[in-house]
Amino acid sequence: MVDLKPLLKKRRTWVCLFVLVYGLLLSSSWNLIRSILYWYNNNNTDAAVRWPALYASVLFGAVFGLLSMATALAVAVPATVVTWITVLVLLAFAGKPRRSLVLEGRKITADIASLAVKILLREGNLVAAVCAFLSFVALFRNHRGED
C-alpha cells in the first residue's frame, strides 16, 4: 500500500489538487452554461413571452453565484484558519489556562465559521442577483435584436 502522508504534506501537492478541483468546477460550470443557452435558444419561439429569458437568467445567476462562492471559499478558508490560530495563540500568551483556552477556542471557532458562512452567502447571493439581472437584460436585448 502506498503511503500518501509525505506526499500530502507538500504545498505543491495541495496547489495541484486545488487547481484540478477548480478546473473540474469551471469545466462543469461551462458545460452547464452552454446547456442553459442551448435550452434557451430552443425554447425562445414566441416574441411576447419572456419566461424562457427569465428562467435562463435565474439559472445563470445561480451558476455564477455558486462559482463565486466557491472562489471566495478557497480564499476564505486559509484566512479563517490564520485568524483562528492567531486568536488562540494570543489567548495562550495572555495566560489563559488550558481548559478555558479549549472552551474559548471552541466558541471562537464557531463564531468565525458562522461569520464566514454568512459573508459567503451574502456575497454569493449578491453576485447571483447581479448576474441574473445582467443575463436577463442581455437575453432580452438579443431576442429583441432578432425580431
Protein backbone atom coordinates (compact mmCIF):
# COMPACT_ATOMS: atom_id res chain seq x y z
CA MET A 1 0.00 0.00 0.00
CA VAL A 2 1.26 3.47 -0.88
CA ASP A 3 1.72 5.94 1.98
CA LEU A 4 0.32 9.31 0.89
CA LYS A 5 1.09 11.27 4.08
CA PRO A 6 4.54 12.55 3.00
CA LEU A 7 3.14 13.47 -0.40
CA LEU A 8 0.17 15.41 1.02
CA LYS A 9 2.40 17.46 3.30
CA LYS A 10 3.95 19.23 0.34
CA ARG A 11 2.47 22.56 -0.68
CA ARG A 12 2.79 21.78 -4.38
CA THR A 13 0.53 18.76 -3.98
CA TRP A 14 -2.20 20.88 -2.40
CA VAL A 15 -1.87 23.50 -5.10
CA CYS A 16 -2.18 20.85 -7.81
CA LEU A 17 -5.22 19.32 -6.10
CA PHE A 18 -6.81 22.77 -5.83
CA VAL A 19 -6.15 23.53 -9.49
CA LEU A 20 -7.56 20.14 -10.50
CA VAL A 21 -10.74 20.52 -8.45
CA TYR A 22 -11.27 24.12 -9.50
CA GLY A 23 -10.65 23.19 -13.14
CA LEU A 24 -13.30 20.49 -12.89
CA LEU A 25 -15.67 23.01 -11.31
CA LEU A 26 -15.05 25.52 -14.10
CA SER A 27 -15.45 22.85 -16.78
CA SER A 28 -18.75 21.62 -15.38
CA SER A 29 -19.96 25.22 -14.95
CA TRP A 30 -19.08 25.98 -18.55
CA ASN A 31 -20.96 22.90 -19.73
CA LEU A 32 -23.96 23.90 -17.61
CA ILE A 33 -23.92 27.44 -19.06
CA ARG A 34 -23.76 26.05 -22.59
CA SER A 35 -26.69 23.71 -21.89
CA ILE A 36 -28.74 26.63 -20.47
CA LEU A 37 -28.03 28.65 -23.62
CA TYR A 38 -28.97 25.67 -25.79
CA TRP A 39 -32.24 25.26 -23.87
CA TYR A 40 -32.96 28.99 -24.15
CA ASN A 41 -32.33 29.06 -27.89
CA ASN A 42 -34.66 26.07 -28.42
CA ASN A 43 -37.47 27.44 -26.22
CA ASN A 44 -37.33 31.04 -27.39
CA THR A 45 -40.07 30.89 -30.03
CA ASP A 46 -42.78 33.35 -29.00
CA ALA A 47 -41.84 37.02 -29.11
CA ALA A 48 -44.42 38.02 -26.49
CA VAL A 49 -43.36 35.51 -23.87
CA ARG A 50 -40.24 36.40 -21.89
CA TRP A 51 -40.40 33.44 -19.49
CA PRO A 52 -37.55 31.50 -21.12
CA ALA A 53 -35.28 34.53 -20.71
CA LEU A 54 -36.30 34.84 -17.06
CA TYR A 55 -35.68 31.14 -16.36
CA ALA A 56 -32.34 31.19 -18.15
CA SER A 57 -31.20 34.34 -16.34
CA VAL A 58 -32.10 32.87 -12.94
CA LEU A 59 -30.11 29.74 -13.82
CA PHE A 60 -27.16 31.87 -14.98
CA GLY A 61 -27.30 33.81 -11.73
CA ALA A 62 -27.31 30.59 -9.72
CA VAL A 63 -24.33 29.16 -11.61
CA PHE A 64 -22.28 32.34 -11.27
CA GLY A 65 -23.32 32.78 -7.63
CA LEU A 66 -22.18 29.27 -6.74
CA LEU A 67 -18.97 29.73 -8.69
CA SER A 68 -18.20 32.98 -6.88
CA MET A 69 -18.95 31.34 -3.53
CA ALA A 70 -16.56 28.51 -4.35
CA THR A 71 -13.87 31.03 -5.26
CA ALA A 72 -14.46 33.05 -2.10
CA LEU A 73 -14.37 29.86 -0.04
CA ALA A 74 -10.97 28.98 -1.48
CA VAL A 75 -9.69 32.34 -0.27
CA ALA A 76 -11.64 32.45 3.00
CA VAL A 77 -10.60 29.09 4.43
CA PRO A 78 -6.87 29.87 4.77
CA ALA A 79 -7.63 33.37 6.07
CA THR A 80 -10.06 31.94 8.62
CA VAL A 81 -7.56 29.35 9.81
CA VAL A 82 -4.85 32.01 10.21
CA THR A 83 -7.25 34.22 12.17
CA TRP A 84 -8.28 31.32 14.39
CA ILE A 85 -4.68 30.34 15.12
CA THR A 86 -3.71 33.94 15.84
CA VAL A 87 -6.51 34.41 18.35
CA LEU A 88 -5.72 31.14 20.11
CA VAL A 89 -2.01 31.95 20.32
CA LEU A 90 -2.78 35.41 21.71
CA LEU A 91 -5.09 33.88 24.31
CA ALA A 92 -2.39 31.38 25.25
CA PHE A 93 0.18 34.18 25.66
CA ALA A 94 -2.30 36.14 27.76
CA GLY A 95 -2.06 33.40 30.37
CA LYS A 96 -5.35 31.57 29.87
CA PRO A 97 -5.47 28.12 31.47
CA ARG A 98 -5.69 25.19 29.07
CA ARG A 99 -9.26 24.25 29.96
CA SER A 100 -10.62 27.74 29.40
CA LEU A 101 -8.47 28.05 26.27
CA VAL A 102 -10.10 24.93 24.84
CA LEU A 103 -13.59 26.18 25.71
CA GLU A 104 -12.96 29.64 24.30
CA GLY A 105 -11.30 28.10 21.25
CA ARG A 106 -14.49 26.18 20.51
CA LYS A 107 -16.58 29.33 20.87
CA ILE A 108 -14.19 31.31 18.69
CA THR A 109 -14.20 28.57 16.06
CA ALA A 110 -17.99 28.58 15.94
CA ASP A 111 -18.11 32.39 15.77
CA ILE A 112 -15.53 32.64 12.99
CA ALA A 113 -17.12 29.83 10.97
CA SER A 114 -20.63 31.27 11.26
CA LEU A 115 -19.41 34.72 10.28
CA ALA A 116 -17.54 33.32 7.27
CA VAL A 117 -20.61 31.37 6.12
CA LYS A 118 -22.85 34.43 6.48
CA ILE A 119 -20.45 36.55 4.43
CA LEU A 120 -20.10 33.85 1.76
CA LEU A 121 -23.87 33.51 1.41
CA ARG A 122 -24.44 37.27 1.30
CA GLU A 123 -21.73 37.83 -1.33
CA GLY A 124 -22.81 34.80 -3.36
CA ASN A 125 -26.42 35.97 -3.39
CA LEU A 126 -25.32 39.44 -4.45
CA VAL A 127 -23.28 38.06 -7.34
CA ALA A 128 -26.15 35.76 -8.31
CA ALA A 129 -28.65 38.63 -8.36
CA VAL A 130 -26.37 40.88 -10.42
CA CYS A 131 -25.56 38.10 -12.90
CA ALA A 132 -29.24 37.14 -13.20
CA PHE A 133 -30.21 40.75 -13.95
CA LEU A 134 -27.40 41.28 -16.44
CA SER A 135 -28.08 38.00 -18.22
CA PHE A 136 -31.81 38.81 -18.44
CA VAL A 137 -31.00 42.19 -19.99
CA ALA A 138 -28.57 40.55 -22.42
CA LEU A 139 -31.02 37.80 -23.41
CA PHE A 140 -33.87 40.31 -23.75
CA ARG A 141 -31.80 42.61 -25.98
CA ASN A 142 -30.51 39.69 -28.03
CA HIS A 143 -34.08 38.45 -28.61
CA ARG A 144 -35.30 41.96 -29.45
CA GLY A 145 -32.48 42.33 -31.95
CA GLU A 146 -33.57 39.14 -33.74
CA ASP A 147 -37.16 40.37 -34.25
